[in-house]
Amino acid sequence: MDNYRIGHGYDVHALAPGLTLRLCGIDIEHEKGCIAHSDGDVAVHALCDAMLGAAALGDIGLHFPDTSADYKGIDSMLLLERCLGMIADKGYTVVNTDITIAMQRPKLRPYIDAMRNAIAATLGIDIDAVSVKATTTERLGFVGREEGVEAHAVILLAVKDSK
């Protein structure tokens, strides 16, 4: 088995008025939230896909299908905990992660530290190993028109005891 594995994840959700907007486990004040089967945390979904991909375990839809009532409204941080358990079972540990959220508004800077803390706590790693960034699309595309939000995540895994 290789000593390190890198994974990339991507997710997107449409936005609609009156729903809760949750990113990296943190509720964000906004008039729109994500349309989703779970809590719609697009950033955590991308991170789960990155983690599962790095360990060659498929993707979030394979393990937590949106056709299952078991995952209706589920807190995505619980899904992240389960993914962490899956990679641990294969002998991996998280080295670091980097998440980028694309959303026209609201400004996410006031929430970034709380997001980093939430992800670090869930993954059991130091906050310095978690990066969360926000960007806009300069009003271009579905993100720019405020119809949706997208997130990319990368993660580095190591075989336990090889760090």
C-alpha atoms as a PDB file:
ATOM      1  CA  MET A   1       0.000   0.000   0.000  1.00  0.00           C
ATOM      2  CA  ASP A   2       1.275   3.490  -0.815  1.00  0.00           C
ATOM      3  CA  ASN A   3       2.161   5.749   2.091  1.00  0.00           C
ATOM      4  CA  TYR A   4       0.026   8.673   0.889  1.00  0.00           C
ATOM      5  CA  ARG A   5      -3.227   9.090  -1.020  1.00  0.00           C
ATOM      6  CA  ILE A   6      -4.766  12.290  -2.356  1.00  0.00           C
ATOM      7  CA  GLY A   7      -8.442  12.718  -3.155  1.00  0.00           C
ATOM      8  CA  HIS A   8     -10.583  15.381  -4.791  1.00  0.00           C
ATOM      9  CA  GLY A   9     -14.301  15.905  -4.242  1.00  0.00           C
ATOM     10  CA  TYR A  10     -16.870  18.167  -5.854  1.00  0.00           C
ATOM     11  CA  ASP A  11     -20.506  18.816  -5.027  1.00  0.00           C
ATOM     12  CA  VAL A  12     -23.214  21.259  -5.986  1.00  0.00           C
ATOM     13  CA  HIS A  13     -26.665  22.039  -4.624  1.00  0.00           C
ATOM     14  CA  ALA A  14     -29.423  24.324  -5.816  1.00  0.00           C
ATOM     15  CA  LEU A  15     -30.552  27.101  -3.489  1.00  0.00           C
ATOM     16  CA  ALA A  16     -34.135  27.923  -2.529  1.00  0.00           C
ATOM     17  CA  PRO A  17     -35.706  30.473  -0.172  1.00  0.00           C
ATOM     18  CA  GLY A  18     -36.665  29.468   3.349  1.00  0.00           C
ATOM     19  CA  LEU A  19     -34.201  26.593   3.757  1.00  0.00           C
ATOM     20  CA  THR A  20     -31.281  26.422   6.178  1.00  0.00           C
ATOM     21  CA  LEU A  21     -27.841  27.052   4.694  1.00  0.00           C
ATOM     22  CA  ARG A  22     -25.233  24.851   6.356  1.00  0.00           C
ATOM     23  CA  LEU A  23     -21.582  24.799   5.286  1.00  0.00           C
ATOM     24  CA  CYS A  24     -18.820  22.807   7.003  1.00  0.00           C
ATOM     25  CA  GLY A  25     -21.242  22.003   9.813  1.00  0.00           C
ATOM     26  CA  ILE A  26     -22.029  25.673  10.522  1.00  0.00           C
ATOM     27  CA  ASP A  27     -25.416  27.344   9.980  1.00  0.00           C
ATOM     28  CA  ILE A  28     -25.012  30.446   7.830  1.00  0.00           C
ATOM     29  CA  GLU A  29     -27.414  33.392   8.000  1.00  0.00           C
ATOM     30  CA  HIS A  30     -28.992  33.672   4.548  1.00  0.00           C
ATOM     31  CA  GLU A  31     -32.448  33.819   3.029  1.00  0.00           C
ATOM     32  CA  LYS A  32     -31.711  30.724   0.922  1.00  0.00           C
ATOM     33  CA  GLY A  33     -30.539  27.227   1.738  1.00  0.00           C
ATOM     34  CA  CYS A  34     -29.634  24.071  -0.153  1.00  0.00           C
ATOM     35  CA  ILE A  35     -32.209  21.786  -1.682  1.00  0.00           C
ATOM     36  CA  ALA A  36     -31.060  18.322  -0.658  1.00  0.00           C
ATOM     37  CA  HIS A  37     -32.034  14.934   0.735  1.00  0.00           C
ATOM     38  CA  SER A  38     -29.668  15.441   3.691  1.00  0.00           C
ATOM     39  CA  ASP A  39     -28.910  18.779   5.362  1.00  0.00           C
ATOM     40  CA  GLY A  40     -27.358  19.880   2.043  1.00  0.00           C
ATOM     41  CA  ASP A  41     -23.895  20.705   3.378  1.00  0.00           C
ATOM     42  CA  VAL A  42     -22.219  20.915  -0.017  1.00  0.00           C
ATOM     43  CA  ALA A  43     -18.743  21.481   1.463  1.00  0.00           C
ATOM     44  CA  VAL A  44     -18.889  18.401   3.687  1.00  0.00           C
ATOM     45  CA  HIS A  45     -20.265  16.349   0.788  1.00  0.00           C
ATOM     46  CA  ALA A  46     -17.276  17.367  -1.346  1.00  0.00           C
ATOM     47  CA  LEU A  47     -14.954  16.507   1.546  1.00  0.00           C
ATOM     48  CA  CYS A  48     -16.577  13.088   1.978  1.00  0.00           C
ATOM     49  CA  ASP A  49     -16.115  12.397  -1.733  1.00  0.00           C
ATOM     50  CA  ALA A  50     -12.464  13.467  -1.537  1.00  0.00           C
ATOM     51  CA  MET A  51     -11.879  11.204   1.456  1.00  0.00           C
ATOM     52  CA  LEU A  52     -13.639   8.210  -0.062  1.00  0.00           C
ATOM     53  CA  GLY A  53     -11.918   8.750  -3.399  1.00  0.00           C
ATOM     54  CA  ALA A  54      -8.465   8.928  -1.840  1.00  0.00           C
ATOM     55  CA  ALA A  55      -9.074   5.551  -0.193  1.00  0.00           C
ATOM     56  CA  ALA A  56     -10.610   4.093  -3.398  1.00  0.00           C
ATOM     57  CA  LEU A  57     -13.926   3.570  -1.593  1.00  0.00           C
ATOM     58  CA  GLY A  58     -16.228   5.069  -4.221  1.00  0.00           C
ATOM     59  CA  ASP A  59     -18.295   8.152  -3.495  1.00  0.00           C
ATOM     60  CA  ILE A  60     -20.824   9.542  -1.065  1.00  0.00           C
ATOM     61  CA  GLY A  61     -23.782   8.411  -3.181  1.00  0.00           C
ATOM     62  CA  LEU A  62     -22.602   4.812  -3.037  1.00  0.00           C
ATOM     63  CA  HIS A  63     -22.453   4.741   0.757  1.00  0.00           C
ATOM     64  CA  PHE A  64     -25.256   7.197   1.617  1.00  0.00           C
ATOM     65  CA  PRO A  65     -27.770   7.118  -1.258  1.00  0.00           C
ATOM     66  CA  ASP A  66     -30.300   9.941  -1.519  1.00  0.00           C
ATOM     67  CA  THR A  67     -32.944   7.291  -2.170  1.00  0.00           C
ATOM     68  CA  SER A  68     -32.629   5.969   1.383  1.00  0.00           C
ATOM     69  CA  ALA A  69     -34.933   7.235   4.125  1.00  0.00           C
ATOM     70  CA  ASP A  70     -32.043   6.582   6.563  1.00  0.00           C
ATOM     71  CA  TYR A  71     -30.288   9.710   5.287  1.00  0.00           C
ATOM     72  CA  LYS A  72     -33.285  12.035   4.953  1.00  0.00           C
ATOM     73  CA  GLY A  73     -32.308  15.295   6.691  1.00  0.00           C
ATOM     74  CA  ILE A  74     -29.153  13.752   8.198  1.00  0.00           C
ATOM     75  CA  ASP A  75     -26.429  16.016   9.561  1.00  0.00           C
ATOM     76  CA  SER A  76     -23.608  15.762   7.028  1.00  0.00           C
ATOM     77  CA  MET A  77     -21.041  15.913   9.824  1.00  0.00           C
ATOM     78  CA  LEU A  78     -22.302  12.456  10.821  1.00  0.00           C
ATOM     79  CA  LEU A  79     -21.613  11.292   7.265  1.00  0.00           C
ATOM     80  CA  LEU A  80     -18.109  12.759   7.562  1.00  0.00           C
ATOM     81  CA  GLU A  81     -17.572  10.817  10.806  1.00  0.00           C
ATOM     82  CA  ARG A  82     -18.674   7.623   9.051  1.00  0.00           C
ATOM     83  CA  CYS A  83     -16.301   8.303   6.141  1.00  0.00           C
ATOM     84  CA  LEU A  84     -13.500   8.861   8.634  1.00  0.00           C
ATOM     85  CA  GLY A  85     -14.282   5.450  10.114  1.00  0.00           C
ATOM     86  CA  MET A  86     -14.203   3.853   6.662  1.00  0.00           C
ATOM     87  CA  ILE A  87     -10.761   5.219   5.845  1.00  0.00           C
ATOM     88  CA  ALA A  88      -9.491   4.275   9.306  1.00  0.00           C
ATOM     89  CA  ASP A  89     -10.661   0.715   8.645  1.00  0.00           C
ATOM     90  CA  LYS A  90      -8.416   0.709   5.568  1.00  0.00           C
ATOM     91  CA  GLY A  91      -5.473   1.941   7.639  1.00  0.00           C
ATOM     92  CA  TYR A  92      -5.521   5.619   6.650  1.00  0.00           C
ATOM     93  CA  THR A  93      -5.445   8.817   8.664  1.00  0.00           C
ATOM     94  CA  VAL A  94      -6.071  12.401   7.511  1.00  0.00           C
ATOM     95  CA  VAL A  95      -2.996  14.596   7.019  1.00  0.00           C
ATOM     96  CA  ASN A  96      -4.725  17.759   5.797  1.00  0.00           C
ATOM     97  CA  THR A  97      -7.622  19.069   3.741  1.00  0.00           C
ATOM     98  CA  ASP A  98      -8.404  22.143   1.657  1.00  0.00           C
ATOM     99  CA  ILE A  99     -11.997  23.146   0.832  1.00  0.00           C
ATOM    100  CA  THR A 100     -13.167  25.865  -1.559  1.00  0.00           C
ATOM    101  CA  ILE A 101     -16.783  27.052  -1.502  1.00  0.00           C
ATOM    102  CA  ALA A 102     -18.131  29.062  -4.457  1.00  0.00           C
ATOM    103  CA  MET A 103     -21.126  31.200  -3.566  1.00  0.00           C
ATOM    104  CA  GLN A 104     -22.044  34.687  -4.716  1.00  0.00           C
ATOM    105  CA  ARG A 105     -23.422  35.696  -1.348  1.00  0.00           C
ATOM    106  CA  PRO A 106     -23.494  35.915   1.595  1.00  0.00           C
ATOM    107  CA  LYS A 107     -19.900  36.708   2.395  1.00  0.00           C
ATOM    108  CA  LEU A 108     -18.517  33.659   4.175  1.00  0.00           C
ATOM    109  CA  ARG A 109     -15.394  35.205   5.741  1.00  0.00           C
ATOM    110  CA  PRO A 110     -17.109  35.720   9.137  1.00  0.00           C
ATOM    111  CA  TYR A 111     -17.799  31.949   9.309  1.00  0.00           C
ATOM    112  CA  ILE A 112     -14.491  30.534   8.070  1.00  0.00           C
ATOM    113  CA  ASP A 113     -12.825  30.069  11.473  1.00  0.00           C
ATOM    114  CA  ALA A 114     -15.881  28.261  12.868  1.00  0.00           C
ATOM    115  CA  MET A 115     -15.978  26.073   9.744  1.00  0.00           C
ATOM    116  CA  ARG A 116     -12.301  25.157  10.117  1.00  0.00           C
ATOM    117  CA  ASN A 117     -12.804  24.358  13.795  1.00  0.00           C
ATOM    118  CA  ALA A 118     -15.825  22.150  13.074  1.00  0.00           C
ATOM    119  CA  ILE A 119     -14.032  20.167  10.372  1.00  0.00           C
ATOM    120  CA  ALA A 120     -10.841  19.828  12.445  1.00  0.00           C
ATOM    121  CA  ALA A 121     -12.792  18.610  15.476  1.00  0.00           C
ATOM    122  CA  THR A 122     -14.727  16.053  13.449  1.00  0.00           C
ATOM    123  CA  LEU A 123     -11.615  14.742  11.697  1.00  0.00           C
ATOM    124  CA  GLY A 124      -9.562  14.784  14.897  1.00  0.00           C
ATOM    125  CA  ILE A 125      -6.806  16.894  13.360  1.00  0.00           C
ATOM    126  CA  ASP A 126      -5.233  20.240  14.172  1.00  0.00           C
ATOM    127  CA  ILE A 127      -6.963  23.338  12.813  1.00  0.00           C
ATOM    128  CA  ASP A 128      -3.734  24.190  10.973  1.00  0.00           C
ATOM    129  CA  ALA A 129      -4.395  21.108   8.823  1.00  0.00           C
ATOM    130  CA  VAL A 130      -7.776  22.459   7.662  1.00  0.00           C
ATOM    131  CA  SER A 131      -8.164  25.181   5.060  1.00  0.00           C
ATOM    132  CA  VAL A 132     -11.551  26.585   4.079  1.00  0.00           C
ATOM    133  CA  LYS A 133     -11.745  29.274   1.411  1.00  0.00           C
ATOM    134  CA  ALA A 134     -14.657  31.104  -0.168  1.00  0.00           C
ATOM    135  CA  THR A 135     -14.957  32.671  -3.583  1.00  0.00           C
ATOM    136  CA  THR A 136     -17.573  34.072  -5.914  1.00  0.00           C
ATOM    137  CA  THR A 137     -17.902  33.456  -9.632  1.00  0.00           C
ATOM    138  CA  GLU A 138     -18.051  37.178 -10.449  1.00  0.00           C
ATOM    139  CA  ARG A 139     -21.791  36.809 -11.101  1.00  0.00           C
ATOM    140  CA  LEU A 140     -21.172  34.189 -13.816  1.00  0.00           C
ATOM    141  CA  GLY A 141     -23.107  30.930 -14.148  1.00  0.00           C
ATOM    142  CA  PHE A 142     -25.594  29.373 -11.739  1.00  0.00           C
ATOM    143  CA  VAL A 143     -23.469  30.365  -8.727  1.00  0.00           C
ATOM    144  CA  GLY A 144     -23.270  33.969  -9.915  1.00  0.00           C
ATOM    145  CA  ARG A 145     -27.022  34.074 -10.460  1.00  0.00           C
ATOM    146  CA  GLU A 146     -27.413  32.801  -6.857  1.00  0.00           C
ATOM    147  CA  GLU A 147     -29.200  29.655  -8.035  1.00  0.00           C
ATOM    148  CA  GLY A 148     -26.745  27.317  -6.336  1.00  0.00           C
ATOM    149  CA  VAL A 149     -23.554  26.748  -4.404  1.00  0.00           C
ATOM    150  CA  GLU A 150     -20.617  24.495  -5.252  1.00  0.00           C
ATOM    151  CA  ALA A 151     -17.660  23.166  -3.333  1.00  0.00           C
ATOM    152  CA  HIS A 152     -14.356  21.484  -4.117  1.00  0.00           C
ATOM    153  CA  ALA A 153     -12.279  19.629  -1.559  1.00  0.00           C
ATOM    154  CA  VAL A 154      -8.910  17.942  -1.608  1.00  0.00           C
ATOM    155  CA  ILE A 155      -7.538  15.715   1.105  1.00  0.00           C
ATOM    156  CA  LEU A 156      -4.250  13.996   1.833  1.00  0.00           C
ATOM    157  CA  LEU A 157      -4.371  10.654   3.596  1.00  0.00           C
ATOM    158  CA  ALA A 158      -1.441   8.739   5.038  1.00  0.00           C
ATOM    159  CA  VAL A 159      -1.062   5.147   6.099  1.00  0.00           C
ATOM    160  CA  LYS A 160      -1.265   5.196   9.902  1.00  0.00           C
ATOM    161  CA  ASP A 161       2.165   5.501  11.517  1.00  0.00           C
ATOM    162  CA  SER A 162       3.764   6.752   8.272  1.00  0.00           C
ATOM    163  CA  LYS A 163       3.429  10.491   8.990  1.00  0.00           C
END
